[in-house]
Each structure stands twice: as C-alpha cells, then as structure tokens.
C-alpha cells in the first residue's frame, strides 16, 4: 500500500511540475509577444519605400532599454501652415476683436506691439517670435490656451496632416515619447496640439515666459526655440538625444541634426537656394540639402481653403507657400 501511495505521489508531483513548467513557458512567451511584437501600421498616402524605411528603423528600436524619444516641429510639420501660421492668426484675430479701434492704455499698448511686428515683417525671426509673447503678457495660461484652441476650431480644424498622425500613432505603438517643439508661444499651442495628437500638454514645448501671480510676463525663458535655439531646447528640457526628429523648414535644420537616428522632412522648399548665413545649407535648397543628408522626405497636403477668411490677411502678413500633395 505504501509503495502504491509513493508511486501515486511521484506521478502527482511530476504532473504538477509539468503544469508549472508549461505555465512558465506560456508566461514567458506571452511576455515576449507583448514586449517584442509591436505592429507597424502602413501610413496611407506615403510610398512603400518610405513606409518600409520607417518600419525597418522602428524595428531596430524594439529591444532598446532606454528612453525612445521623437521630436517634431509644429507648424508645417504636423499641422498645415497655409496660408498663415496659426500663432499669427490667433493674435491678429484677438486684436481685431478686443483692441482694434479702442483708445484705452491696454489696447494702445497691444496694438503697438502688433504694428511693430507688422513693420518687422519677418514672422520667423527671433524679434517677431518674442513679440508674440509680449502681446500675450498679462493674460493667464488658461486664457492663452483658449485663444489658441478657439482659433484652431474656427480656422484650422482639419489642417492636421493625417500621415503625421498615423506616424505618431506608430511611434506610440513602439514605445516612443513624442514631443512637439514649436517657435510659437507654448501656452497658445498646448491645448489643441495635445488634444489632437493625444499627447500630454507637458510634451508640447514652445516659447516660454515666466508666470507670476497667475499671469504671463514679458520675461522670456531661454533658450528660444527658433533656429539654433530649437537644438538647445532638446537637451535643456527633454534631456535626451532623440532617435527621430521631424521638421519642414530651414529653421528646423539645427533641431533635425540633433537626431541620432531618423530625420523626417515634410514638404521641404525646393526653390530658394540658401545663402552663406545658412551654414551647411549654403548653396542648396532645403530639399536638396536633406536629400544629400539622407533624410526621409515626405509630402503632406497643405493648401488654402478658398472659403476661409483670415484676420491675418488684413494685417498684410506674408502668406506661406502651398504644398499640394
């Protein structure tokens, strides 16, 4: 009887061990699948060559045990900028509604800033970028966020590039942190960009200024994310080297060169040959330069809606070039 019980005990023990081993194998297999089987979803509107290149790169990042970061410019890279930058339209629209034709000190002060911006004319220059913040000073962050959001709803809804939204969805699938880095005022862009792209608003970086007693001040926090300043924002606030950087213009060159992996350039200009002041881009168009550097060149449709009227037009700010796909 003792031998039978002993034999039965050993059988039960072996069966139990086999079940445990099977459970461990299944657990490890499940962990491996969840850890290493990210699925790339083809981006419609872009060629197989571009999709294959992006997918191949993302697959090389699967086993990386580090922060995986992608950084993208805002206007012209993830959202359309034709015919005018949203940052400009938001400010001129607000001025037309609340300041134009009034003689109180606040209205006179704010209109003087806009008139200075119009006279400057270079709406991608650092002085102009700083004056956008000067115009917003005295407002609360919530008021500025709502200003940008309302402008987006009224004039820019539908302007996000579907291809870039699909790319960002793929990056999330592969475990990337996605950051937006814009030369526009940070609070102005945070609400609508965070909502449309499904990102925390803390990952929307723009021109920053000190907030005191609940309102924005004129004190700008360096670095200013314009031209070489965009490259400096990455180690200052994101604090790691990105694997992917995306941009569209000459102003994104320094930021794009911070990428230690893939560079993605959206609708690059192929008409204007850059000069000596553009450093390594001297003698090339933006497109030619990035083709030479091996970047991924993509097209996204960015054309004006003929039925849409913009306040910026009456302030005679230059229009941005159309990019039909």
Protein backbone atom coordinates (compact mmCIF):
# COMPACT_ATOMS: atom_id res chain seq x y z
CA UNK A 1 0.00 0.00 0.00
CA UNK A 2 2.87 2.26 0.89
CA UNK A 3 4.54 1.65 -2.49
CA UNK A 4 1.32 2.45 -4.37
CA UNK A 5 0.89 5.71 -2.47
CA UNK A 6 4.51 6.57 -3.09
CA UNK A 7 4.14 5.85 -6.80
CA UNK A 8 0.95 7.89 -6.99
CA UNK A 9 2.63 10.73 -5.10
CA UNK A 10 5.51 10.78 -7.58
CA UNK A 11 3.07 10.81 -10.50
CA UNK A 12 1.14 13.69 -8.97
CA UNK A 13 4.37 15.54 -8.27
CA UNK A 14 5.63 15.06 -11.83
CA UNK A 15 2.28 16.18 -13.24
CA UNK A 16 2.33 19.26 -11.02
CA UNK A 17 5.89 20.10 -12.15
CA UNK A 18 4.90 19.65 -15.79
CA UNK A 19 1.97 22.05 -15.35
CA UNK A 20 4.24 24.56 -13.63
CA UNK A 21 6.78 24.31 -16.45
CA UNK A 22 4.04 24.76 -19.06
CA UNK A 23 2.72 27.78 -17.16
CA UNK A 24 6.20 29.35 -17.06
CA UNK A 25 6.71 28.73 -20.80
CA UNK A 26 3.36 30.32 -21.60
CA UNK A 27 4.10 33.25 -19.30
CA UNK A 28 7.49 33.88 -20.91
CA UNK A 29 6.00 33.52 -24.39
CA UNK A 30 3.26 35.98 -23.53
CA UNK A 31 5.80 38.43 -22.12
CA UNK A 32 7.96 38.09 -25.24
CA UNK A 33 4.99 38.70 -27.53
CA UNK A 34 3.85 41.75 -25.58
CA UNK A 35 7.39 43.10 -25.36
CA UNK A 36 8.71 42.44 -28.84
CA UNK A 37 5.77 42.26 -31.25
CA UNK A 38 4.92 45.90 -31.90
CA UNK A 39 2.87 46.21 -35.07
CA UNK A 40 3.66 48.81 -37.70
CA UNK A 41 0.60 50.13 -39.50
CA UNK A 42 1.23 51.36 -43.02
CA UNK A 43 0.87 55.11 -43.45
CA UNK A 44 -1.55 55.73 -46.29
CA UNK A 45 -0.52 58.46 -48.68
CA UNK A 46 3.20 57.65 -48.42
CA UNK A 47 5.04 55.26 -50.72
CA UNK A 48 6.02 51.69 -49.86
CA UNK A 49 9.64 52.80 -49.92
CA UNK A 50 9.04 55.41 -47.21
CA UNK A 51 6.88 53.04 -45.14
CA UNK A 52 9.48 50.27 -45.36
CA UNK A 53 12.24 52.63 -44.32
CA UNK A 54 10.33 53.89 -41.28
CA UNK A 55 9.21 50.39 -40.28
CA UNK A 56 12.74 49.00 -40.60
CA UNK A 57 14.11 51.74 -38.37
CA UNK A 58 11.38 51.29 -35.74
CA UNK A 59 12.07 47.55 -35.64
CA UNK A 60 15.70 48.27 -34.74
CA UNK A 61 14.48 50.10 -31.61
CA UNK A 62 12.35 47.27 -30.21
CA UNK A 63 14.98 45.87 -27.86
CA UNK A 64 16.38 49.22 -26.76
CA UNK A 65 16.40 49.61 -22.99
CA UNK A 66 16.45 53.41 -22.91
CA UNK A 67 14.17 56.40 -23.43
CA UNK A 68 12.96 56.42 -27.01
CA UNK A 69 12.16 59.99 -27.98
CA UNK A 70 10.81 61.57 -31.18
CA UNK A 71 10.66 65.36 -31.59
CA UNK A 72 8.60 67.18 -34.22
CA UNK A 73 8.21 70.81 -35.21
CA UNK A 74 4.63 72.12 -35.11
CA UNK A 75 3.53 74.42 -37.96
CA UNK A 76 4.14 72.87 -41.36
CA UNK A 77 5.26 69.55 -39.87
CA UNK A 78 2.24 68.14 -38.02
CA UNK A 79 -0.35 70.79 -38.91
CA UNK A 80 -0.82 72.88 -42.05
CA UNK A 81 0.53 76.42 -42.17
CA UNK A 82 -1.18 77.65 -45.36
CA UNK A 83 -1.98 80.43 -45.84
CA UNK A 84 -0.91 81.72 -42.38
CA UNK A 85 0.64 80.44 -39.17
CA UNK A 86 -1.97 79.70 -36.53
CA UNK A 87 0.05 81.72 -34.00
CA UNK A 88 -0.30 84.86 -36.14
CA UNK A 89 -3.97 84.32 -36.89
CA UNK A 90 -4.76 83.81 -33.20
CA UNK A 91 -3.10 87.09 -32.21
CA UNK A 92 -4.44 89.29 -35.04
CA UNK A 93 -7.88 87.76 -34.63
CA UNK A 94 -7.86 88.53 -30.91
CA UNK A 95 -6.64 92.10 -31.53
CA UNK A 96 -9.39 92.75 -34.08
CA UNK A 97 -11.98 91.55 -31.58
CA UNK A 98 -10.76 93.19 -28.37
CA UNK A 99 -8.31 96.04 -29.13
CA UNK A 100 -8.84 97.50 -32.59
CA UNK A 101 -10.42 100.98 -32.59
CA UNK A 102 -10.13 101.42 -28.82
CA UNK A 103 -8.15 104.14 -27.04
CA UNK A 104 -7.62 102.65 -23.58
CA UNK A 105 -3.98 102.15 -22.48
CA UNK A 106 -4.06 98.34 -22.79
CA UNK A 107 -5.43 98.43 -26.34
CA UNK A 108 -2.89 101.07 -27.39
CA UNK A 109 -0.06 99.01 -25.88
CA UNK A 110 -1.09 95.75 -27.54
CA UNK A 111 -1.75 97.33 -30.95
CA UNK A 112 1.68 98.99 -30.79
CA UNK A 113 3.25 95.53 -30.39
CA UNK A 114 1.38 94.18 -33.41
CA UNK A 115 2.26 97.23 -35.50
CA UNK A 116 5.90 96.65 -34.61
CA UNK A 117 5.56 93.02 -35.69
CA UNK A 118 3.98 94.03 -38.99
CA UNK A 119 6.74 96.57 -39.63
CA UNK A 120 9.36 93.91 -38.87
CA UNK A 121 7.71 91.63 -41.43
CA UNK A 122 9.96 88.65 -40.65
CA UNK A 123 7.49 86.39 -38.88
CA UNK A 124 10.07 83.64 -38.45
CA UNK A 125 12.70 85.93 -36.88
CA UNK A 126 13.53 85.92 -33.16
CA UNK A 127 12.35 89.51 -32.55
CA UNK A 128 8.94 88.72 -34.05
CA UNK A 129 8.73 85.44 -32.10
CA UNK A 130 9.49 87.31 -28.87
CA UNK A 131 6.87 89.97 -29.63
CA UNK A 132 4.18 87.30 -29.82
CA UNK A 133 4.89 86.60 -26.15
CA UNK A 134 4.95 90.31 -25.34
CA UNK A 135 1.47 90.60 -26.85
CA UNK A 136 0.22 87.77 -24.61
CA UNK A 137 1.75 89.09 -21.39
CA UNK A 138 -0.78 89.93 -18.70
CA UNK A 139 -3.06 87.03 -19.65
CA UNK A 140 -3.47 83.79 -17.71
CA UNK A 141 -2.19 80.49 -19.18
CA UNK A 142 -5.81 79.27 -19.42
CA UNK A 143 -6.85 82.37 -21.39
CA UNK A 144 -3.97 81.90 -23.83
CA UNK A 145 -4.72 78.19 -24.26
CA UNK A 146 -8.34 79.02 -25.01
CA UNK A 147 -7.27 81.71 -27.50
CA UNK A 148 -5.24 79.16 -29.46
CA UNK A 149 -7.91 76.48 -29.17
CA UNK A 150 -10.72 78.74 -30.40
CA UNK A 151 -8.61 79.86 -33.35
CA UNK A 152 -7.92 76.22 -34.16
CA UNK A 153 -11.61 75.29 -34.03
CA UNK A 154 -12.66 78.24 -36.19
CA UNK A 155 -9.91 78.32 -38.82
CA UNK A 156 -7.60 75.29 -38.66
CA UNK A 157 -9.74 72.26 -37.90
CA UNK A 158 -8.95 69.59 -40.46
CA UNK A 159 -5.45 71.01 -41.07
CA UNK A 160 -3.60 68.28 -39.17
CA UNK A 161 -1.72 66.02 -41.58
CA UNK A 162 -3.31 62.54 -41.38
CA UNK A 163 0.01 60.94 -42.37
CA UNK A 164 1.78 62.55 -39.42
CA UNK A 165 -0.98 61.47 -37.04
CA UNK A 166 -0.55 57.91 -38.32
CA UNK A 167 3.21 58.17 -37.85
CA UNK A 168 2.79 59.38 -34.27
CA UNK A 169 0.38 56.50 -33.57
CA UNK A 170 3.05 54.09 -34.82
CA UNK A 171 5.66 55.70 -32.61
CA UNK A 172 3.44 55.26 -29.56
CA UNK A 173 2.99 51.61 -30.52
CA UNK A 174 6.78 51.23 -30.45
CA UNK A 175 7.08 52.86 -27.04
CA UNK A 176 8.27 56.32 -28.08
CA UNK A 177 7.78 59.55 -26.18
CA UNK A 178 6.56 62.08 -28.73
CA UNK A 179 7.36 65.76 -28.20
CA UNK A 180 6.29 68.81 -30.24
CA UNK A 181 8.75 71.70 -30.36
CA UNK A 182 7.38 74.93 -31.83
CA UNK A 183 8.63 78.50 -32.15
CA UNK A 184 5.12 79.69 -31.25
CA UNK A 185 4.11 80.63 -27.69
CA UNK A 186 3.90 77.46 -25.64
CA UNK A 187 0.53 78.05 -23.93
CA UNK A 188 -1.05 79.13 -27.23
CA UNK A 189 -0.42 75.72 -28.81
CA UNK A 190 -0.61 73.28 -25.91
CA UNK A 191 -4.36 72.68 -25.71
CA UNK A 192 -5.21 71.89 -29.34
CA UNK A 193 -1.97 70.02 -30.10
CA UNK A 194 -2.29 67.84 -27.00
CA UNK A 195 -5.93 67.05 -27.80
CA UNK A 196 -5.46 66.26 -31.50
CA UNK A 197 -2.24 64.25 -31.13
CA UNK A 198 -3.12 62.53 -27.86
CA UNK A 199 -0.07 63.87 -26.02
CA UNK A 200 0.40 65.30 -22.52
CA UNK A 201 0.49 69.09 -22.74
CA UNK A 202 3.82 68.97 -20.90
CA UNK A 203 5.28 67.43 -24.08
CA UNK A 204 4.28 70.47 -26.15
CA UNK A 205 7.22 72.89 -25.91
CA UNK A 206 7.29 76.42 -27.31
CA UNK A 207 8.44 79.89 -26.40
CA UNK A 208 8.26 80.06 -22.61
CA UNK A 209 7.95 83.05 -20.33
CA UNK A 210 7.75 83.45 -16.57
CA UNK A 211 4.30 83.21 -15.00
CA UNK A 212 3.91 85.44 -11.93
CA UNK A 213 0.77 85.74 -9.80
CA UNK A 214 -1.07 83.59 -12.31
CA UNK A 215 -0.34 85.69 -15.43
CA UNK A 216 2.23 85.60 -18.19
CA UNK A 217 5.06 88.15 -18.01
CA UNK A 218 7.43 89.61 -20.61
CA UNK A 219 10.35 87.66 -19.12
CA UNK A 220 11.20 85.03 -21.73
CA UNK A 221 12.86 81.81 -20.59
CA UNK A 222 15.83 80.78 -22.67
CA UNK A 223 16.51 79.09 -25.00
CA UNK A 224 14.05 80.44 -27.56
CA UNK A 225 13.04 77.52 -29.82
CA UNK A 226 13.90 79.18 -33.12
CA UNK A 227 16.75 78.22 -35.47
CA UNK A 228 19.75 77.08 -33.36
CA UNK A 229 17.67 77.62 -30.22
CA UNK A 230 15.48 74.65 -31.17
CA UNK A 231 18.50 72.37 -30.93
CA UNK A 232 19.30 73.79 -27.48
CA UNK A 233 15.77 73.19 -26.18
CA UNK A 234 16.21 69.42 -26.60
CA UNK A 235 18.99 68.88 -24.02
CA UNK A 236 17.65 71.69 -21.82
CA UNK A 237 14.06 70.46 -21.40
CA UNK A 238 13.74 66.99 -23.00
CA UNK A 239 17.13 65.90 -21.63
CA UNK A 240 17.98 63.12 -24.04
CA UNK A 241 19.10 62.73 -27.64
CA UNK A 242 16.10 61.94 -29.87
CA UNK A 243 16.06 58.90 -32.15
CA UNK A 244 13.70 60.66 -34.59
CA UNK A 245 13.33 64.35 -35.43
CA UNK A 246 10.89 65.85 -37.92
CA UNK A 247 10.73 69.36 -39.38
CA UNK A 248 9.91 71.23 -42.55
CA UNK A 249 11.95 74.43 -42.94
CA UNK A 250 15.41 75.98 -42.77
CA UNK A 251 14.59 76.95 -39.18
CA UNK A 252 14.46 73.26 -38.24
CA UNK A 253 17.94 72.40 -39.55
CA UNK A 254 19.75 72.55 -36.20
CA UNK A 255 16.98 70.61 -34.46
CA UNK A 256 16.94 67.93 -37.17
CA UNK A 257 20.68 67.48 -36.80
CA UNK A 258 20.13 66.52 -33.14
CA UNK A 259 18.61 63.23 -34.32
CA UNK A 260 20.83 60.21 -33.79
CA UNK A 261 18.57 58.09 -35.96
CA UNK A 262 15.90 59.10 -38.46
CA UNK A 263 15.34 62.59 -39.88
CA UNK A 264 11.93 63.24 -41.45
CA UNK A 265 11.39 66.39 -43.53
CA UNK A 266 7.87 67.44 -44.56
CA UNK A 267 7.22 69.49 -47.72
CA UNK A 268 10.75 70.95 -47.93
CA UNK A 269 11.23 74.00 -50.15
CA UNK A 270 12.94 73.21 -53.45
CA UNK A 271 13.02 76.73 -54.94
CA UNK A 272 15.10 79.04 -52.75
CA UNK A 273 18.84 78.37 -52.75
CA UNK A 274 20.12 79.12 -49.26
CA UNK A 275 23.00 81.55 -48.66
CA UNK A 276 26.12 81.73 -46.51
CA UNK A 277 24.09 82.72 -43.45
CA UNK A 278 22.50 79.27 -43.57
CA UNK A 279 25.73 77.48 -42.72
CA UNK A 280 25.93 73.93 -44.09
CA UNK A 281 22.78 74.52 -46.17
CA UNK A 282 24.62 77.18 -48.20
CA UNK A 283 24.23 76.54 -51.93
CA UNK A 284 21.34 74.10 -51.56
CA UNK A 285 17.57 74.32 -51.39
CA UNK A 286 16.13 72.83 -48.21
CA UNK A 287 15.06 69.73 -50.13
CA UNK A 288 18.42 69.29 -51.84
CA UNK A 289 20.27 69.58 -48.54
CA UNK A 290 18.19 66.94 -46.80
CA UNK A 291 18.29 64.60 -49.78
CA UNK A 292 22.09 64.84 -49.60
CA UNK A 293 21.95 64.11 -45.86
CA UNK A 294 19.80 61.00 -46.36
CA UNK A 295 16.68 62.28 -44.63
CA UNK A 296 13.22 60.81 -45.28
CA UNK A 297 11.43 63.35 -47.50
CA UNK A 298 7.62 63.20 -47.29
CA UNK A 299 4.71 65.13 -48.79
CA UNK A 300 1.57 66.21 -46.96
CA UNK A 301 -1.23 68.21 -48.50
CA UNK A 302 -1.28 71.83 -47.34
CA UNK A 303 -3.40 74.13 -49.46
CA UNK A 304 -5.68 77.07 -48.58
CA UNK A 305 -9.42 76.77 -48.22
CA UNK A 306 -10.77 79.46 -50.62
CA UNK A 307 -13.88 79.87 -48.45
CA UNK A 308 -11.90 80.66 -45.29
CA UNK A 309 -11.15 84.28 -44.44
CA UNK A 310 -8.25 85.17 -42.14
CA UNK A 311 -7.76 88.22 -39.94
CA UNK A 312 -4.03 87.96 -40.66
CA UNK A 313 -4.68 88.93 -44.28
CA UNK A 314 -5.88 92.41 -43.35
CA UNK A 315 -2.67 92.95 -41.37
CA UNK A 316 -0.75 92.22 -44.59
CA UNK A 317 1.40 89.40 -43.20
CA UNK A 318 3.08 87.33 -45.90
CA UNK A 319 1.41 84.06 -46.87
CA UNK A 320 3.07 80.66 -46.65
CA UNK A 321 3.65 78.65 -49.80
CA UNK A 322 1.08 75.99 -50.72
CA UNK A 323 2.12 72.35 -50.87
CA UNK A 324 -0.42 70.29 -52.81
CA UNK A 325 0.24 66.58 -52.45
